[in-house]
């Protein structure tokens, strides 16, 4: 990975962590997450989001792109979530930011 891509990735990760903090949730970048991915064969992650002192953090992977594929936005539409199901695999969930934050804040207050 080149310096430009590494710098962009770190910049996007910091921005996402700050968005969580703006919502009152504690989040941290995982130091050297890219190096850990190579050592643990894809098991690394980019950020930890803490919703409660009693629960382990949620591990997040961050991808910064110029554009999200148009069809994903169309499939999601005005709905609260999108589930994409690949044959013989668990579904993948896509949530708008407002829905994710609402869920995390609800969990924190339980």
C-alpha atoms as a PDB file:
ATOM      1  CA  UNK A   1       0.000   0.000   0.000  1.00  0.00           C
ATOM      2  CA  UNK A   2       1.340   3.406  -0.948  1.00  0.00           C
ATOM      3  CA  UNK A   3       1.715   6.433   1.316  1.00  0.00           C
ATOM      4  CA  UNK A   4      -1.247   8.223  -0.302  1.00  0.00           C
ATOM      5  CA  UNK A   5      -3.610   5.294   0.332  1.00  0.00           C
ATOM      6  CA  UNK A   6      -2.295   4.817   3.882  1.00  0.00           C
ATOM      7  CA  UNK A   7      -2.696   8.531   4.665  1.00  0.00           C
ATOM      8  CA  UNK A   8      -6.204   8.623   3.172  1.00  0.00           C
ATOM      9  CA  UNK A   9      -7.206   5.545   5.182  1.00  0.00           C
ATOM     10  CA  UNK A  10      -5.926   7.065   8.424  1.00  0.00           C
ATOM     11  CA  UNK A  11      -7.687  10.362   7.648  1.00  0.00           C
ATOM     12  CA  UNK A  12     -11.019   8.614   6.989  1.00  0.00           C
ATOM     13  CA  UNK A  13     -10.652   6.477  10.151  1.00  0.00           C
ATOM     14  CA  UNK A  14      -9.983   9.591  12.273  1.00  0.00           C
ATOM     15  CA  UNK A  15     -13.005  11.337  10.741  1.00  0.00           C
ATOM     16  CA  UNK A  16     -15.284   8.368  11.539  1.00  0.00           C
ATOM     17  CA  UNK A  17     -13.970   8.153  15.113  1.00  0.00           C
ATOM     18  CA  UNK A  18     -14.736  11.863  15.499  1.00  0.00           C
ATOM     19  CA  UNK A  19     -18.277  11.342  14.171  1.00  0.00           C
ATOM     20  CA  UNK A  20     -18.872   8.712  16.867  1.00  0.00           C
ATOM     21  CA  UNK A  21     -17.447  11.065  19.503  1.00  0.00           C
ATOM     22  CA  UNK A  22     -19.723  13.873  18.265  1.00  0.00           C
ATOM     23  CA  UNK A  23     -22.663  11.541  18.986  1.00  0.00           C
ATOM     24  CA  UNK A  24     -21.430  10.909  22.538  1.00  0.00           C
ATOM     25  CA  UNK A  25     -19.994   7.439  21.857  1.00  0.00           C
ATOM     26  CA  UNK A  26     -16.413   6.496  22.683  1.00  0.00           C
ATOM     27  CA  UNK A  27     -14.453   5.249  19.666  1.00  0.00           C
ATOM     28  CA  UNK A  28     -10.760   4.680  19.004  1.00  0.00           C
ATOM     29  CA  UNK A  29      -8.600   3.890  16.012  1.00  0.00           C
ATOM     30  CA  UNK A  30      -6.771   0.575  16.330  1.00  0.00           C
ATOM     31  CA  UNK A  31      -3.042   1.301  16.123  1.00  0.00           C
ATOM     32  CA  UNK A  32      -1.242  -0.430  13.256  1.00  0.00           C
ATOM     33  CA  UNK A  33      -4.437  -2.161  12.153  1.00  0.00           C
ATOM     34  CA  UNK A  34      -3.092  -2.617   8.627  1.00  0.00           C
ATOM     35  CA  UNK A  35       0.037  -4.369   9.932  1.00  0.00           C
ATOM     36  CA  UNK A  36      -2.081  -6.587  12.186  1.00  0.00           C
ATOM     37  CA  UNK A  37      -4.173  -7.686   9.201  1.00  0.00           C
ATOM     38  CA  UNK A  38      -1.075  -9.046   7.531  1.00  0.00           C
ATOM     39  CA  UNK A  39       0.063 -10.872  10.658  1.00  0.00           C
ATOM     40  CA  UNK A  40      -3.347 -12.329  11.504  1.00  0.00           C
ATOM     41  CA  UNK A  41      -4.479 -12.994   7.950  1.00  0.00           C
ATOM     42  CA  UNK A  42      -7.380 -10.579   7.626  1.00  0.00           C
ATOM     43  CA  UNK A  43      -8.464 -10.524  11.270  1.00  0.00           C
ATOM     44  CA  UNK A  44      -7.497  -6.887  11.938  1.00  0.00           C
ATOM     45  CA  UNK A  45      -9.983  -4.046  12.191  1.00  0.00           C
ATOM     46  CA  UNK A  46      -9.763  -0.269  12.016  1.00  0.00           C
ATOM     47  CA  UNK A  47     -11.796   1.087  14.946  1.00  0.00           C
ATOM     48  CA  UNK A  48     -13.293   0.044  18.254  1.00  0.00           C
ATOM     49  CA  UNK A  49     -16.650   1.550  19.290  1.00  0.00           C
ATOM     50  CA  UNK A  50     -17.577   1.289  22.969  1.00  0.00           C
ATOM     51  CA  UNK A  51     -21.290   1.451  23.731  1.00  0.00           C
ATOM     52  CA  UNK A  52     -21.089   0.325  27.353  1.00  0.00           C
ATOM     53  CA  UNK A  53     -18.457  -0.200  30.033  1.00  0.00           C
ATOM     54  CA  UNK A  54     -19.949  -3.671  30.553  1.00  0.00           C
ATOM     55  CA  UNK A  55     -19.599  -4.814  26.929  1.00  0.00           C
ATOM     56  CA  UNK A  56     -16.605  -5.436  24.698  1.00  0.00           C
ATOM     57  CA  UNK A  57     -16.199  -2.911  21.893  1.00  0.00           C
ATOM     58  CA  UNK A  58     -17.738  -3.314  18.476  1.00  0.00           C
ATOM     59  CA  UNK A  59     -14.941  -3.803  15.920  1.00  0.00           C
ATOM     60  CA  UNK A  60     -15.282  -1.808  12.733  1.00  0.00           C
ATOM     61  CA  UNK A  61     -13.674  -1.899   9.322  1.00  0.00           C
ATOM     62  CA  UNK A  62     -13.575   1.435   7.495  1.00  0.00           C
ATOM     63  CA  UNK A  63     -13.470   1.850   3.720  1.00  0.00           C
ATOM     64  CA  UNK A  64     -13.172   5.278   2.151  1.00  0.00           C
ATOM     65  CA  UNK A  65     -14.294   5.524  -1.470  1.00  0.00           C
ATOM     66  CA  UNK A  66     -14.953   8.388  -3.844  1.00  0.00           C
ATOM     67  CA  UNK A  67     -18.420   6.948  -4.495  1.00  0.00           C
ATOM     68  CA  UNK A  68     -20.534   4.167  -3.052  1.00  0.00           C
ATOM     69  CA  UNK A  69     -21.896   1.990  -5.882  1.00  0.00           C
ATOM     70  CA  UNK A  70     -25.160   3.553  -7.049  1.00  0.00           C
ATOM     71  CA  UNK A  71     -27.057   0.255  -6.889  1.00  0.00           C
ATOM     72  CA  UNK A  72     -26.391  -0.086  -3.135  1.00  0.00           C
ATOM     73  CA  UNK A  73     -27.926   3.342  -2.514  1.00  0.00           C
ATOM     74  CA  UNK A  74     -30.856   2.437  -4.775  1.00  0.00           C
ATOM     75  CA  UNK A  75     -31.432  -0.894  -3.011  1.00  0.00           C
ATOM     76  CA  UNK A  76     -31.376   0.837   0.389  1.00  0.00           C
ATOM     77  CA  UNK A  77     -33.693   3.623  -0.745  1.00  0.00           C
ATOM     78  CA  UNK A  78     -35.383   5.324   2.224  1.00  0.00           C
ATOM     79  CA  UNK A  79     -35.346   2.141   4.326  1.00  0.00           C
ATOM     80  CA  UNK A  80     -33.636   1.717   7.686  1.00  0.00           C
ATOM     81  CA  UNK A  81     -31.361  -1.106   6.560  1.00  0.00           C
ATOM     82  CA  UNK A  82     -30.368  -3.278   3.631  1.00  0.00           C
ATOM     83  CA  UNK A  83     -29.483  -6.962   3.938  1.00  0.00           C
ATOM     84  CA  UNK A  84     -27.500  -8.534   1.132  1.00  0.00           C
ATOM     85  CA  UNK A  85     -27.547 -12.350   1.146  1.00  0.00           C
ATOM     86  CA  UNK A  86     -24.947 -14.319  -0.740  1.00  0.00           C
ATOM     87  CA  UNK A  87     -25.633 -18.007  -1.377  1.00  0.00           C
ATOM     88  CA  UNK A  88     -24.407 -20.181   1.510  1.00  0.00           C
ATOM     89  CA  UNK A  89     -23.258 -17.165   3.540  1.00  0.00           C
ATOM     90  CA  UNK A  90     -24.570 -14.973   6.335  1.00  0.00           C
ATOM     91  CA  UNK A  91     -26.308 -11.746   5.301  1.00  0.00           C
ATOM     92  CA  UNK A  92     -24.388  -8.490   5.179  1.00  0.00           C
ATOM     93  CA  UNK A  93     -26.127  -5.465   6.716  1.00  0.00           C
ATOM     94  CA  UNK A  94     -25.890  -1.922   5.380  1.00  0.00           C
ATOM     95  CA  UNK A  95     -27.206   0.801   7.701  1.00  0.00           C
ATOM     96  CA  UNK A  96     -27.436   4.563   7.203  1.00  0.00           C
ATOM     97  CA  UNK A  97     -25.431   6.512   9.799  1.00  0.00           C
ATOM     98  CA  UNK A  98     -28.580   7.824  11.540  1.00  0.00           C
ATOM     99  CA  UNK A  99     -29.889   4.270  12.073  1.00  0.00           C
ATOM    100  CA  UNK A 100     -26.549   2.963  13.369  1.00  0.00           C
ATOM    101  CA  UNK A 101     -26.231   5.815  15.869  1.00  0.00           C
ATOM    102  CA  UNK A 102     -29.823   5.377  17.034  1.00  0.00           C
ATOM    103  CA  UNK A 103     -29.265   1.650  17.658  1.00  0.00           C
ATOM    104  CA  UNK A 104     -25.986   2.198  19.510  1.00  0.00           C
ATOM    105  CA  UNK A 105     -27.431   4.921  21.721  1.00  0.00           C
ATOM    106  CA  UNK A 106     -30.439   2.731  22.528  1.00  0.00           C
ATOM    107  CA  UNK A 107     -28.112  -0.145  23.499  1.00  0.00           C
ATOM    108  CA  UNK A 108     -26.052   2.152  25.691  1.00  0.00           C
ATOM    109  CA  UNK A 109     -29.151   3.230  27.619  1.00  0.00           C
ATOM    110  CA  UNK A 110     -30.425  -0.311  28.286  1.00  0.00           C
END
